[in-house]
Amino acid sequence: MSTDTIEPAVTPATPDTAGQTSMGSRIREWLSSWDSAIIAITVVVLVVASVTNPDFGSSRNFTFLVLDLAPIFLIALPMTFIIITGEIDLSVASILGLSGAAMGWMWNNGFAIEMIIPMCILLGCVLGALNGFLVAKLGLPSLAVTIGTLALFRGLAFVLLGDQAVSNFPRAYTSWVTGTVGGTSIPNLAIPLVVVAVLFAVVLQATPLGRDIYATGASDTAARFAGIDGARLKFWLYVVCGAVAALAGVLWSLRYSSARADNGSGLELAVVAAVLLGGVSIFGGKGRLAGVLAAVVLLAALQNALRLEDISNEALTIVTGVLLIVAVLLPNLLKTLRTSAQRRKLQNAS
C-alpha cells in the first residue's frame, strides 16, 4: 500500500488530544515503573503489619517508626544524588558517629549547644570535602576511598570520645527531637524531613542541576563535552552528603540522649539498600527520589515489624542484606527479560 493512501486516513491530533495522549502515556509509564512497584509493596507491608500485629498500627509505634527512619531518610537524599552520578559514599555512618563524638566532646568541654550543632555540621562538610577531593579531584574510585574514610572517621570518633557516652544534653533539645506535634502521634522531626525531601526532589527533577546530575551519571565524558563540570559537581555533592550525615549524627545523639563513638554503626548498609531498592541504578544515570523514600519506609517498616515479633538484630541485618542483593539483581534481571522479549518480537515481526 502506498504512502499516499495511508496519510489521509491519519487524523492529526489536536493540541488537547496530544496533551492528553502525552499525559496518559506518562501515567502508564509511571504505573509500570519500579517507583510505583516499591510504593505499592510498601503500602501492602504497612497494611499487613497493621492487621497482623495491633501494636504496629498504634500511635506510639508510629512515632517510633518515624524516629527510627529519620537518619536513613535524611542521608538517603544526598546519597541518591551521589549514586546517580555513578559514585557512592560508604563513610556516611562513620561521619554520623564522628559528629556525635565531636558533639559529646564539645559538650563535656563547656561549649554551648547552640554553637555545637553548627560546628558539627561544619565538621561534616569538611569530612565530605575530603571524600570529594579524593574522588572528584584526584579521580580515585569512590568505593575504595569511602571504605578507607569509613574506617578513618570511625577511628577518629573513638580517639575523640573513647568508650565514653555523653548523655546530659539540654532537655529542651532532646524533648523536641523525641516530641510530637500538638499532642498528636506525628513527631516534630516529620515536618522538617518532609520539607527537606521536597527540596531535594525539586532540585533533582526540576532544575538544571538535577539534569546535570543525571547527565554526569549517564556519561561523564558526554557531560564534559556538554559543558558540565562533573568533578566540581561530585565534589559539592560529597560536601552536602557529609553535612547531612553530620546533622543526622546530631539528631541521633539528641534522640537517644547519648553521644557515642559507635553511634550509627552499620547504618551505611541500610542507606545504600534503600537507595538501590528505590530504583537508583548502581551504575548511575537513573533513579528518582519517590522510589527511594518509599524504600526507606519499607525497610523501616519491615525492621519495626520484625522487632515487634522479637526477631534478633542479626536477623534484621540479614533481611537488609538480602534486600540489598535483590535491589541490585532484580532491576538488571527485569531489564534482561525486557530486552529478550523485544528481540523475540522483532524476530517474529521479520
C-alpha atoms as a PDB file:
ATOM      1  CA  MET A   1       0.000   0.000   0.000  1.00  0.00           C
ATOM      2  CA  SER A   2       1.383   3.412  -0.895  1.00  0.00           C
ATOM      3  CA  THR A   3       2.126   6.240   1.475  1.00  0.00           C
ATOM      4  CA  ASP A   4      -0.444   8.444  -0.275  1.00  0.00           C
ATOM      5  CA  THR A   5      -3.150   6.002   0.700  1.00  0.00           C
ATOM      6  CA  ILE A   6      -2.186   5.958   4.328  1.00  0.00           C
ATOM      7  CA  GLU A   7      -1.693   9.621   5.145  1.00  0.00           C
ATOM      8  CA  PRO A   8      -5.299  10.843   4.611  1.00  0.00           C
ATOM      9  CA  ALA A   9      -6.536   8.140   6.973  1.00  0.00           C
ATOM     10  CA  VAL A  10      -4.460   9.547   9.827  1.00  0.00           C
ATOM     11  CA  THR A  11      -6.270  12.193  11.844  1.00  0.00           C
ATOM     12  CA  PRO A  12      -3.858  14.812  13.133  1.00  0.00           C
ATOM     13  CA  ALA A  13      -4.016  15.151  16.885  1.00  0.00           C
ATOM     14  CA  THR A  14      -5.256  18.446  18.187  1.00  0.00           C
ATOM     15  CA  PRO A  15      -3.161  20.127  20.876  1.00  0.00           C
ATOM     16  CA  ASP A  16      -5.624  18.958  23.543  1.00  0.00           C
ATOM     17  CA  THR A  17      -5.615  15.379  22.243  1.00  0.00           C
ATOM     18  CA  ALA A  18      -1.837  15.364  22.006  1.00  0.00           C
ATOM     19  CA  GLY A  19      -1.569  16.662  25.545  1.00  0.00           C
ATOM     20  CA  GLN A  20      -3.989  14.029  26.828  1.00  0.00           C
ATOM     21  CA  THR A  21      -2.102  11.301  24.961  1.00  0.00           C
ATOM     22  CA  SER A  22       1.199  12.530  26.363  1.00  0.00           C
ATOM     23  CA  MET A  23      -0.241  12.726  29.878  1.00  0.00           C
ATOM     24  CA  GLY A  24      -1.797   9.283  29.546  1.00  0.00           C
ATOM     25  CA  SER A  25       1.468   7.754  28.367  1.00  0.00           C
ATOM     26  CA  ARG A  26       3.333   9.368  31.247  1.00  0.00           C
ATOM     27  CA  ILE A  27       0.814   7.983  33.733  1.00  0.00           C
ATOM     28  CA  ARG A  28       1.056   4.499  32.200  1.00  0.00           C
ATOM     29  CA  GLU A  29       4.830   4.726  32.234  1.00  0.00           C
ATOM     30  CA  TRP A  30       4.858   5.703  35.909  1.00  0.00           C
ATOM     31  CA  LEU A  31       2.373   2.975  36.877  1.00  0.00           C
ATOM     32  CA  SER A  32       4.613   0.371  35.242  1.00  0.00           C
ATOM     33  CA  SER A  33       7.797   1.803  36.775  1.00  0.00           C
ATOM     34  CA  TRP A  34       9.930   0.490  39.604  1.00  0.00           C
ATOM     35  CA  ASP A  35       8.888   3.502  41.740  1.00  0.00           C
ATOM     36  CA  SER A  36       5.220   2.565  41.652  1.00  0.00           C
ATOM     37  CA  ALA A  37       6.031  -1.084  42.404  1.00  0.00           C
ATOM     38  CA  ILE A  38       8.034  -0.134  45.510  1.00  0.00           C
ATOM     39  CA  ILE A  39       5.310   2.252  46.686  1.00  0.00           C
ATOM     40  CA  ALA A  40       2.688  -0.492  46.231  1.00  0.00           C
ATOM     41  CA  ILE A  41       4.820  -3.041  48.109  1.00  0.00           C
ATOM     42  CA  THR A  42       5.354  -0.525  50.922  1.00  0.00           C
ATOM     43  CA  VAL A  43       1.612   0.070  51.262  1.00  0.00           C
ATOM     44  CA  VAL A  44       0.955  -3.694  51.330  1.00  0.00           C
ATOM     45  CA  VAL A  45       3.609  -4.247  54.017  1.00  0.00           C
ATOM     46  CA  LEU A  46       2.186  -1.433  56.162  1.00  0.00           C
ATOM     47  CA  VAL A  47      -1.356  -2.795  55.866  1.00  0.00           C
ATOM     48  CA  VAL A  48      -0.376  -6.421  56.531  1.00  0.00           C
ATOM     49  CA  ALA A  49       1.816  -5.466  59.503  1.00  0.00           C
ATOM     50  CA  SER A  50      -1.001  -3.359  60.993  1.00  0.00           C
ATOM     51  CA  VAL A  51      -3.526  -6.179  60.611  1.00  0.00           C
ATOM     52  CA  THR A  52      -1.322  -8.971  61.935  1.00  0.00           C
ATOM     53  CA  ASN A  53       0.118  -7.004  64.846  1.00  0.00           C
ATOM     54  CA  PRO A  54      -2.102  -4.366  66.525  1.00  0.00           C
ATOM     55  CA  ASP A  55       0.972  -2.829  68.192  1.00  0.00           C
ATOM     56  CA  PHE A  56       2.406  -1.931  64.771  1.00  0.00           C
ATOM     57  CA  GLY A  57      -0.512   0.346  63.966  1.00  0.00           C
ATOM     58  CA  SER A  58      -0.531   2.102  67.332  1.00  0.00           C
ATOM     59  CA  SER A  59       0.171   5.815  67.503  1.00  0.00           C
ATOM     60  CA  ARG A  60       3.102   5.226  69.838  1.00  0.00           C
ATOM     61  CA  ASN A  61       4.713   2.792  67.408  1.00  0.00           C
ATOM     62  CA  PHE A  62       4.134   5.204  64.523  1.00  0.00           C
ATOM     63  CA  THR A  63       6.157   7.827  66.402  1.00  0.00           C
ATOM     64  CA  PHE A  64       8.989   5.370  66.992  1.00  0.00           C
ATOM     65  CA  LEU A  65       8.870   4.265  63.349  1.00  0.00           C
ATOM     66  CA  VAL A  66       9.354   7.825  62.080  1.00  0.00           C
ATOM     67  CA  LEU A  67      12.159   8.484  64.558  1.00  0.00           C
ATOM     68  CA  ASP A  68      13.872   5.234  63.537  1.00  0.00           C
ATOM     69  CA  LEU A  69      13.779   6.015  59.825  1.00  0.00           C
ATOM     70  CA  ALA A  70      14.785   9.689  60.195  1.00  0.00           C
ATOM     71  CA  PRO A  71      18.603   9.220  59.921  1.00  0.00           C
ATOM     72  CA  ILE A  72      18.303   6.832  56.953  1.00  0.00           C
ATOM     73  CA  PHE A  73      15.717   9.123  55.350  1.00  0.00           C
ATOM     74  CA  LEU A  74      17.991  12.156  55.663  1.00  0.00           C
ATOM     75  CA  ILE A  75      21.194  10.518  54.435  1.00  0.00           C
ATOM     76  CA  ALA A  76      19.419   8.726  51.573  1.00  0.00           C
ATOM     77  CA  LEU A  77      18.597  12.102  49.984  1.00  0.00           C
ATOM     78  CA  PRO A  78      22.164  13.205  49.107  1.00  0.00           C
ATOM     79  CA  MET A  79      23.229   9.555  48.679  1.00  0.00           C
ATOM     80  CA  THR A  80      20.675   9.302  45.851  1.00  0.00           C
ATOM     81  CA  PHE A  81      22.342  12.225  44.088  1.00  0.00           C
ATOM     82  CA  ILE A  82      25.797  10.701  44.527  1.00  0.00           C
ATOM     83  CA  ILE A  83      24.818   7.254  43.240  1.00  0.00           C
ATOM     84  CA  ILE A  84      23.017   8.781  40.243  1.00  0.00           C
ATOM     85  CA  THR A  85      26.355  10.383  39.302  1.00  0.00           C
ATOM     86  CA  GLY A  86      27.890   6.895  39.330  1.00  0.00           C
ATOM     87  CA  GLU A  87      29.696   7.220  42.666  1.00  0.00           C
ATOM     88  CA  ILE A  88      28.999   6.008  46.227  1.00  0.00           C
ATOM     89  CA  ASP A  89      29.724   7.083  49.805  1.00  0.00           C
ATOM     90  CA  LEU A  90      30.139   4.308  52.367  1.00  0.00           C
ATOM     91  CA  SER A  91      31.534   6.639  55.038  1.00  0.00           C
ATOM     92  CA  VAL A  92      28.199   8.274  55.949  1.00  0.00           C
ATOM     93  CA  ALA A  93      27.615   6.221  59.099  1.00  0.00           C
ATOM     94  CA  SER A  94      31.139   6.982  60.296  1.00  0.00           C
ATOM     95  CA  ILE A  95      30.564  10.696  59.670  1.00  0.00           C
ATOM     96  CA  LEU A  96      27.398  10.347  61.761  1.00  0.00           C
ATOM     97  CA  GLY A  97      29.405   8.673  64.532  1.00  0.00           C
ATOM     98  CA  LEU A  98      32.248  11.210  64.422  1.00  0.00           C
ATOM     99  CA  SER A  99      29.728  14.066  64.501  1.00  0.00           C
ATOM    100  CA  GLY A 100      28.144  12.545  67.613  1.00  0.00           C
ATOM    101  CA  ALA A 101      31.538  12.022  69.237  1.00  0.00           C
ATOM    102  CA  ALA A 102      32.529  15.623  68.492  1.00  0.00           C
ATOM    103  CA  MET A 103      29.211  16.787  69.924  1.00  0.00           C
ATOM    104  CA  GLY A 104      29.826  14.856  73.147  1.00  0.00           C
ATOM    105  CA  TRP A 105      33.428  16.068  73.415  1.00  0.00           C
ATOM    106  CA  MET A 106      32.458  19.727  72.925  1.00  0.00           C
ATOM    107  CA  TRP A 107      29.592  19.454  75.416  1.00  0.00           C
ATOM    108  CA  ASN A 108      31.926  17.970  78.023  1.00  0.00           C
ATOM    109  CA  ASN A 109      34.319  20.852  77.425  1.00  0.00           C
ATOM    110  CA  GLY A 110      31.768  23.575  78.080  1.00  0.00           C
ATOM    111  CA  PHE A 111      30.666  24.572  74.581  1.00  0.00           C
ATOM    112  CA  ALA A 112      27.123  25.884  74.242  1.00  0.00           C
ATOM    113  CA  ILE A 113      24.716  23.594  72.386  1.00  0.00           C
ATOM    114  CA  GLU A 114      23.847  26.475  70.037  1.00  0.00           C
ATOM    115  CA  MET A 115      27.497  26.515  68.964  1.00  0.00           C
ATOM    116  CA  ILE A 116      27.971  22.741  68.950  1.00  0.00           C
ATOM    117  CA  ILE A 117      25.290  21.951  66.366  1.00  0.00           C
ATOM    118  CA  PRO A 118      26.591  24.230  63.561  1.00  0.00           C
ATOM    119  CA  MET A 119      30.173  23.179  64.344  1.00  0.00           C
ATOM    120  CA  CYS A 120      29.202  19.516  63.924  1.00  0.00           C
ATOM    121  CA  ILE A 121      27.559  20.285  60.579  1.00  0.00           C
ATOM    122  CA  LEU A 122      30.686  22.214  59.541  1.00  0.00           C
ATOM    123  CA  LEU A 123      32.754  19.165  60.543  1.00  0.00           C
ATOM    124  CA  GLY A 124      30.547  17.070  58.267  1.00  0.00           C
ATOM    125  CA  CYS A 125      31.229  19.494  55.411  1.00  0.00           C
ATOM    126  CA  VAL A 126      34.973  19.106  55.956  1.00  0.00           C
ATOM    127  CA  LEU A 127      34.753  15.307  56.028  1.00  0.00           C
ATOM    128  CA  GLY A 128      32.603  15.305  52.916  1.00  0.00           C
ATOM    129  CA  ALA A 129      35.042  17.668  51.220  1.00  0.00           C
ATOM    130  CA  LEU A 130      37.848  15.182  51.922  1.00  0.00           C
ATOM    131  CA  ASN A 131      35.849  12.443  50.210  1.00  0.00           C
ATOM    132  CA  GLY A 132      35.009  14.787  47.350  1.00  0.00           C
ATOM    133  CA  PHE A 133      38.616  15.859  46.872  1.00  0.00           C
ATOM    134  CA  LEU A 134      39.883  12.273  46.720  1.00  0.00           C
ATOM    135  CA  VAL A 135      37.106  11.084  44.403  1.00  0.00           C
ATOM    136  CA  ALA A 136      36.348  14.088  42.204  1.00  0.00           C
ATOM    137  CA  LYS A 137      39.624  15.984  42.107  1.00  0.00           C
ATOM    138  CA  LEU A 138      42.135  13.103  42.256  1.00  0.00           C
ATOM    139  CA  GLY A 139      39.913  10.675  40.331  1.00  0.00           C
ATOM    140  CA  LEU A 140      40.221   7.835  42.847  1.00  0.00           C
ATOM    141  CA  PRO A 141      37.473   5.165  42.911  1.00  0.00           C
ATOM    142  CA  SER A 142      34.754   6.197  45.340  1.00  0.00           C
ATOM    143  CA  LEU A 143      34.215   2.663  46.648  1.00  0.00           C
ATOM    144  CA  ALA A 144      37.837   2.323  47.773  1.00  0.00           C
ATOM    145  CA  VAL A 145      38.069   5.903  49.051  1.00  0.00           C
ATOM    146  CA  THR A 146      34.939   5.783  51.198  1.00  0.00           C
ATOM    147  CA  ILE A 147      35.755   2.342  52.606  1.00  0.00           C
ATOM    148  CA  GLY A 148      39.017   3.907  53.754  1.00  0.00           C
ATOM    149  CA  THR A 149      37.393   7.012  55.210  1.00  0.00           C
ATOM    150  CA  LEU A 150      34.718   4.806  56.809  1.00  0.00           C
ATOM    151  CA  ALA A 151      37.477   3.281  58.952  1.00  0.00           C
ATOM    152  CA  LEU A 152      39.346   6.591  59.358  1.00  0.00           C
ATOM    153  CA  PHE A 153      36.360   8.617  60.579  1.00  0.00           C
ATOM    154  CA  ARG A 154      35.155   5.880  62.938  1.00  0.00           C
ATOM    155  CA  GLY A 155      38.662   5.572  64.367  1.00  0.00           C
ATOM    156  CA  LEU A 156      38.805   9.334  64.928  1.00  0.00           C
ATOM    157  CA  ALA A 157      35.479   9.129  66.749  1.00  0.00           C
ATOM    158  CA  PHE A 158      36.930   6.620  69.201  1.00  0.00           C
ATOM    159  CA  VAL A 159      40.097   8.705  69.605  1.00  0.00           C
ATOM    160  CA  LEU A 160      37.933  11.720  70.429  1.00  0.00           C
ATOM    161  CA  LEU A 161      35.478  10.112  72.853  1.00  0.00           C
ATOM    162  CA  GLY A 162      36.715   6.573  73.508  1.00  0.00           C
ATOM    163  CA  ASP A 163      34.112   4.294  75.066  1.00  0.00           C
ATOM    164  CA  GLN A 164      32.541   7.218  76.916  1.00  0.00           C
ATOM    165  CA  ALA A 165      28.865   8.043  76.493  1.00  0.00           C
ATOM    166  CA  VAL A 166      27.777  11.667  76.956  1.00  0.00           C
ATOM    167  CA  SER A 167      24.124  11.927  77.922  1.00  0.00           C
ATOM    168  CA  ASN A 168      23.361  15.163  79.746  1.00  0.00           C
ATOM    169  CA  PHE A 169      22.278  17.300  76.794  1.00  0.00           C
ATOM    170  CA  PRO A 170      19.744  20.122  77.361  1.00  0.00           C
ATOM    171  CA  ARG A 171      16.279  18.718  77.900  1.00  0.00           C
ATOM    172  CA  ALA A 172      14.700  21.327  75.629  1.00  0.00           C
ATOM    173  CA  TYR A 173      16.587  19.889  72.646  1.00  0.00           C
ATOM    174  CA  THR A 174      16.150  16.203  73.458  1.00  0.00           C
ATOM    175  CA  SER A 175      12.451  16.731  74.184  1.00  0.00           C
ATOM    176  CA  TRP A 176      11.891  18.488  70.873  1.00  0.00           C
ATOM    177  CA  VAL A 177      13.584  15.729  68.884  1.00  0.00           C
ATOM    178  CA  THR A 178      11.558  12.986  70.587  1.00  0.00           C
ATOM    179  CA  GLY A 179       8.383  15.072  70.947  1.00  0.00           C
ATOM    180  CA  THR A 180       5.279  15.212  68.774  1.00  0.00           C
ATOM    181  CA  VAL A 181       3.265  17.961  67.084  1.00  0.00           C
ATOM    182  CA  GLY A 182       0.484  19.321  69.264  1.00  0.00           C
ATOM    183  CA  GLY A 183      -0.017  16.138  71.242  1.00  0.00           C
ATOM    184  CA  THR A 184      -0.560  14.042  68.090  1.00  0.00           C
ATOM    185  CA  SER A 185       1.479  10.976  67.140  1.00  0.00           C
ATOM    186  CA  ILE A 186       3.310  12.943  64.414  1.00  0.00           C
ATOM    187  CA  PRO A 187       6.914  13.546  65.528  1.00  0.00           C
ATOM    188  CA  ASN A 188       8.296  17.057  65.380  1.00  0.00           C
ATOM    189  CA  LEU A 189      11.018  15.724  63.076  1.00  0.00           C
ATOM    190  CA  ALA A 190       8.463  14.682  60.458  1.00  0.00           C
ATOM    191  CA  ILE A 191       7.819  18.257  59.309  1.00  0.00           C
ATOM    192  CA  PRO A 192      11.448  19.235  58.532  1.00  0.00           C
ATOM    193  CA  LEU A 193      12.019  15.794  56.972  1.00  0.00           C
ATOM    194  CA  VAL A 194       9.162  16.365  54.524  1.00  0.00           C
ATOM    195  CA  VAL A 195      10.365  19.892  53.723  1.00  0.00           C
ATOM    196  CA  VAL A 196      13.925  18.722  53.043  1.00  0.00           C
ATOM    197  CA  ALA A 197      12.670  15.789  50.930  1.00  0.00           C
ATOM    198  CA  VAL A 198      10.554  18.116  48.781  1.00  0.00           C
ATOM    199  CA  LEU A 199      13.526  20.454  48.343  1.00  0.00           C
ATOM    200  CA  PHE A 200      15.806  17.620  47.210  1.00  0.00           C
ATOM    201  CA  ALA A 201      13.104  16.248  44.879  1.00  0.00           C
ATOM    202  CA  VAL A 202      12.583  19.633  43.234  1.00  0.00           C
ATOM    203  CA  VAL A 203      16.330  20.088  42.738  1.00  0.00           C
ATOM    204  CA  LEU A 204      16.711  16.628  41.209  1.00  0.00           C
ATOM    205  CA  GLN A 205      13.631  16.588  38.985  1.00  0.00           C
ATOM    206  CA  ALA A 206      13.017  20.216  38.046  1.00  0.00           C
ATOM    207  CA  THR A 207      16.278  22.168  37.911  1.00  0.00           C
ATOM    208  CA  PRO A 208      19.326  22.378  35.614  1.00  0.00           C
ATOM    209  CA  LEU A 209      21.411  20.997  38.483  1.00  0.00           C
ATOM    210  CA  GLY A 210      19.296  17.854  38.524  1.00  0.00           C
ATOM    211  CA  ARG A 211      19.730  17.439  34.766  1.00  0.00           C
ATOM    212  CA  ASP A 212      23.487  17.837  35.199  1.00  0.00           C
ATOM    213  CA  ILE A 213      23.467  15.104  37.847  1.00  0.00           C
ATOM    214  CA  TYR A 214      21.671  12.679  35.527  1.00  0.00           C
ATOM    215  CA  ALA A 215      23.885  13.612  32.583  1.00  0.00           C
ATOM    216  CA  THR A 216      27.064  13.080  34.606  1.00  0.00           C
ATOM    217  CA  GLY A 217      25.894   9.662  35.730  1.00  0.00           C
ATOM    218  CA  ALA A 218      24.783   8.612  32.246  1.00  0.00           C
ATOM    219  CA  SER A 219      28.123   9.529  30.670  1.00  0.00           C
ATOM    220  CA  ASP A 220      30.800  11.580  32.356  1.00  0.00           C
ATOM    221  CA  THR A 221      32.578  12.113  29.047  1.00  0.00           C
ATOM    222  CA  ALA A 222      29.448  13.256  27.206  1.00  0.00           C
ATOM    223  CA  ALA A 223      28.566  15.563  30.108  1.00  0.00           C
ATOM    224  CA  ARG A 224      32.014  17.125  29.907  1.00  0.00           C
ATOM    225  CA  PHE A 225      31.547  17.832  26.193  1.00  0.00           C
ATOM    226  CA  ALA A 226      28.190  19.410  27.081  1.00  0.00           C
ATOM    227  CA  GLY A 227      29.987  21.859  29.372  1.00  0.00           C
ATOM    228  CA  ILE A 228      29.163  20.148  32.681  1.00  0.00           C
ATOM    229  CA  ASP A 229      31.963  20.179  35.246  1.00  0.00           C
ATOM    230  CA  GLY A 230      31.368  16.698  36.661  1.00  0.00           C
ATOM    231  CA  ALA A 231      34.300  16.876  39.079  1.00  0.00           C
ATOM    232  CA  ARG A 232      33.054  20.066  40.721  1.00  0.00           C
ATOM    233  CA  LEU A 233      29.504  18.697  40.842  1.00  0.00           C
ATOM    234  CA  LYS A 234      30.593  15.488  42.562  1.00  0.00           C
ATOM    235  CA  PHE A 235      32.806  17.393  45.000  1.00  0.00           C
ATOM    236  CA  TRP A 236      29.913  19.534  46.230  1.00  0.00           C
ATOM    237  CA  LEU A 237      27.575  16.545  46.409  1.00  0.00           C
ATOM    238  CA  TYR A 238      30.029  14.884  48.789  1.00  0.00           C
ATOM    239  CA  VAL A 239      30.173  18.063  50.861  1.00  0.00           C
ATOM    240  CA  VAL A 240      26.360  18.136  51.121  1.00  0.00           C
ATOM    241  CA  CYS A 241      26.286  14.437  51.956  1.00  0.00           C
ATOM    242  CA  GLY A 242      28.812  14.967  54.742  1.00  0.00           C
ATOM    243  CA  ALA A 243      26.812  17.864  56.174  1.00  0.00           C
ATOM    244  CA  VAL A 244      23.567  15.881  56.139  1.00  0.00           C
ATOM    245  CA  ALA A 245      25.236  12.839  57.727  1.00  0.00           C
ATOM    246  CA  ALA A 246      26.658  15.070  60.473  1.00  0.00           C
ATOM    247  CA  LEU A 247      23.207  16.568  61.067  1.00  0.00           C
ATOM    248  CA  ALA A 248      21.855  13.025  61.340  1.00  0.00           C
ATOM    249  CA  GLY A 249      24.560  12.375  63.945  1.00  0.00           C
ATOM    250  CA  VAL A 250      23.381  15.363  65.999  1.00  0.00           C
ATOM    251  CA  LEU A 251      19.753  14.203  65.815  1.00  0.00           C
ATOM    252  CA  TRP A 252      20.779  10.649  66.716  1.00  0.00           C
ATOM    253  CA  SER A 253      22.633  11.851  69.833  1.00  0.00           C
ATOM    254  CA  LEU A 254      19.730  14.065  70.908  1.00  0.00           C
ATOM    255  CA  ARG A 255      17.110  11.403  70.219  1.00  0.00           C
ATOM    256  CA  TYR A 256      18.856   8.798  72.396  1.00  0.00           C
ATOM    257  CA  SER A 257      20.402  11.450  74.664  1.00  0.00           C
ATOM    258  CA  SER A 258      23.668   9.607  74.163  1.00  0.00           C
ATOM    259  CA  ALA A 259      26.685  10.708  72.137  1.00  0.00           C
ATOM    260  CA  ARG A 260      28.913   7.698  71.491  1.00  0.00           C
ATOM    261  CA  ALA A 261      31.688   6.943  69.039  1.00  0.00           C
ATOM    262  CA  ASP A 262      29.819   3.873  67.775  1.00  0.00           C
ATOM    263  CA  ASN A 263      26.552   5.685  67.018  1.00  0.00           C
ATOM    264  CA  GLY A 264      25.105   4.590  63.682  1.00  0.00           C
ATOM    265  CA  SER A 265      27.477   1.655  63.138  1.00  0.00           C
ATOM    266  CA  GLY A 266      26.391  -0.249  60.037  1.00  0.00           C
ATOM    267  CA  LEU A 267      23.841   2.386  59.008  1.00  0.00           C
ATOM    268  CA  GLU A 268      25.518   2.811  55.608  1.00  0.00           C
ATOM    269  CA  LEU A 269      24.205  -0.637  54.638  1.00  0.00           C
ATOM    270  CA  ALA A 270      20.593   0.420  55.218  1.00  0.00           C
ATOM    271  CA  VAL A 271      21.086   3.718  53.368  1.00  0.00           C
ATOM    272  CA  VAL A 272      22.608   2.115  50.273  1.00  0.00           C
ATOM    273  CA  ALA A 273      20.000  -0.673  50.353  1.00  0.00           C
ATOM    274  CA  ALA A 274      17.187   1.900  50.435  1.00  0.00           C
ATOM    275  CA  VAL A 275      18.633   3.919  47.554  1.00  0.00           C
ATOM    276  CA  LEU A 276      19.173   0.882  45.324  1.00  0.00           C
ATOM    277  CA  LEU A 277      15.882  -0.741  46.308  1.00  0.00           C
ATOM    278  CA  GLY A 278      14.229   2.562  45.392  1.00  0.00           C
ATOM    279  CA  GLY A 279      15.275   2.111  41.769  1.00  0.00           C
ATOM    280  CA  VAL A 280      18.511   4.099  41.563  1.00  0.00           C
ATOM    281  CA  SER A 281      20.967   2.336  39.276  1.00  0.00           C
ATOM    282  CA  ILE A 282      24.281   1.419  40.885  1.00  0.00           C
ATOM    283  CA  PHE A 283      25.843   2.294  37.507  1.00  0.00           C
ATOM    284  CA  GLY A 284      24.485   5.856  37.636  1.00  0.00           C
ATOM    285  CA  GLY A 285      22.261   7.976  35.435  1.00  0.00           C
ATOM    286  CA  LYS A 286      18.926   6.586  36.600  1.00  0.00           C
ATOM    287  CA  GLY A 287      16.599   6.881  39.591  1.00  0.00           C
ATOM    288  CA  ARG A 288      14.069   9.097  41.345  1.00  0.00           C
ATOM    289  CA  LEU A 289      13.540  10.123  44.928  1.00  0.00           C
ATOM    290  CA  ALA A 290       9.942   8.863  45.126  1.00  0.00           C
ATOM    291  CA  GLY A 291      11.070   5.252  44.939  1.00  0.00           C
ATOM    292  CA  VAL A 292      13.962   5.855  47.330  1.00  0.00           C
ATOM    293  CA  LEU A 293      11.767   7.408  50.025  1.00  0.00           C
ATOM    294  CA  ALA A 294       9.236   4.589  49.649  1.00  0.00           C
ATOM    295  CA  ALA A 295      12.087   2.109  50.057  1.00  0.00           C
ATOM    296  CA  VAL A 296      13.233   3.891  53.236  1.00  0.00           C
ATOM    297  CA  VAL A 297       9.739   3.491  54.690  1.00  0.00           C
ATOM    298  CA  LEU A 298       9.606  -0.132  53.506  1.00  0.00           C
ATOM    299  CA  LEU A 299      12.900  -1.027  55.202  1.00  0.00           C
ATOM    300  CA  ALA A 300      11.950   0.786  58.409  1.00  0.00           C
ATOM    301  CA  ALA A 301       8.509  -0.873  58.477  1.00  0.00           C
ATOM    302  CA  LEU A 302       9.968  -4.348  57.933  1.00  0.00           C
ATOM    303  CA  GLN A 303      12.551  -3.877  60.667  1.00  0.00           C
ATOM    304  CA  ASN A 304       9.973  -2.402  63.039  1.00  0.00           C
ATOM    305  CA  ALA A 305       7.502  -5.233  62.409  1.00  0.00           C
ATOM    306  CA  LEU A 306      10.195  -7.868  62.916  1.00  0.00           C
ATOM    307  CA  ARG A 307      11.331  -6.240  66.167  1.00  0.00           C
ATOM    308  CA  LEU A 308       7.763  -6.371  67.446  1.00  0.00           C
ATOM    309  CA  GLU A 309       7.916 -10.118  66.787  1.00  0.00           C
ATOM    310  CA  ASP A 310      11.119 -10.309  68.886  1.00  0.00           C
ATOM    311  CA  ILE A 311      13.334 -11.049  65.882  1.00  0.00           C
ATOM    312  CA  SER A 312      17.029 -10.607  66.683  1.00  0.00           C
ATOM    313  CA  ASN A 313      19.169  -7.773  65.333  1.00  0.00           C
ATOM    314  CA  GLU A 314      21.280 -10.338  63.462  1.00  0.00           C
ATOM    315  CA  ALA A 315      18.195 -11.452  61.548  1.00  0.00           C
ATOM    316  CA  LEU A 316      17.364  -7.816  60.763  1.00  0.00           C
ATOM    317  CA  THR A 317      20.851  -7.386  59.275  1.00  0.00           C
ATOM    318  CA  ILE A 318      20.285 -10.490  57.156  1.00  0.00           C
ATOM    319  CA  VAL A 319      16.994  -9.076  55.874  1.00  0.00           C
ATOM    320  CA  THR A 320      18.697  -5.798  54.942  1.00  0.00           C
ATOM    321  CA  GLY A 321      21.480  -7.676  53.153  1.00  0.00           C
ATOM    322  CA  VAL A 322      19.007  -9.801  51.195  1.00  0.00           C
ATOM    323  CA  LEU A 323      17.060  -6.711  50.142  1.00  0.00           C
ATOM    324  CA  LEU A 324      20.311  -5.069  49.030  1.00  0.00           C
ATOM    325  CA  ILE A 325      21.110  -8.051  46.811  1.00  0.00           C
ATOM    326  CA  VAL A 326      17.553  -8.034  45.430  1.00  0.00           C
ATOM    327  CA  ALA A 327      17.837  -4.299  44.766  1.00  0.00           C
ATOM    328  CA  VAL A 328      20.902  -4.860  42.585  1.00  0.00           C
ATOM    329  CA  LEU A 329      19.846  -8.140  40.961  1.00  0.00           C
ATOM    330  CA  LEU A 330      16.145  -7.675  40.189  1.00  0.00           C
ATOM    331  CA  PRO A 331      16.269  -4.478  38.051  1.00  0.00           C
ATOM    332  CA  ASN A 332      19.031  -5.987  35.909  1.00  0.00           C
ATOM    333  CA  LEU A 333      17.078  -9.249  35.598  1.00  0.00           C
ATOM    334  CA  LEU A 334      13.942  -7.363  34.521  1.00  0.00           C
ATOM    335  CA  LYS A 335      15.973  -5.347  32.014  1.00  0.00           C
ATOM    336  CA  THR A 336      17.377  -8.573  30.542  1.00  0.00           C
ATOM    337  CA  LEU A 337      13.905 -10.089  30.286  1.00  0.00           C
ATOM    338  CA  ARG A 338      12.515  -6.963  28.564  1.00  0.00           C
ATOM    339  CA  THR A 339      15.429  -6.935  26.102  1.00  0.00           C
ATOM    340  CA  SER A 340      14.884 -10.609  25.316  1.00  0.00           C
ATOM    341  CA  ALA A 341      11.148 -10.053  24.809  1.00  0.00           C
ATOM    342  CA  GLN A 342      11.789  -7.136  22.446  1.00  0.00           C
ATOM    343  CA  ARG A 343      14.323  -9.187  20.500  1.00  0.00           C
ATOM    344  CA  ARG A 344      11.842 -12.054  20.093  1.00  0.00           C
ATOM    345  CA  LYS A 345       9.149  -9.613  18.981  1.00  0.00           C
ATOM    346  CA  LEU A 346      11.445  -8.173  16.314  1.00  0.00           C
ATOM    347  CA  GLN A 347      12.397 -11.654  15.139  1.00  0.00           C
ATOM    348  CA  ASN A 348       8.731 -12.677  14.878  1.00  0.00           C
ATOM    349  CA  ALA A 349       7.906  -9.474  13.017  1.00  0.00           C
ATOM    350  CA  SER A 350      10.658 -10.111  10.481  1.00  0.00           C
END
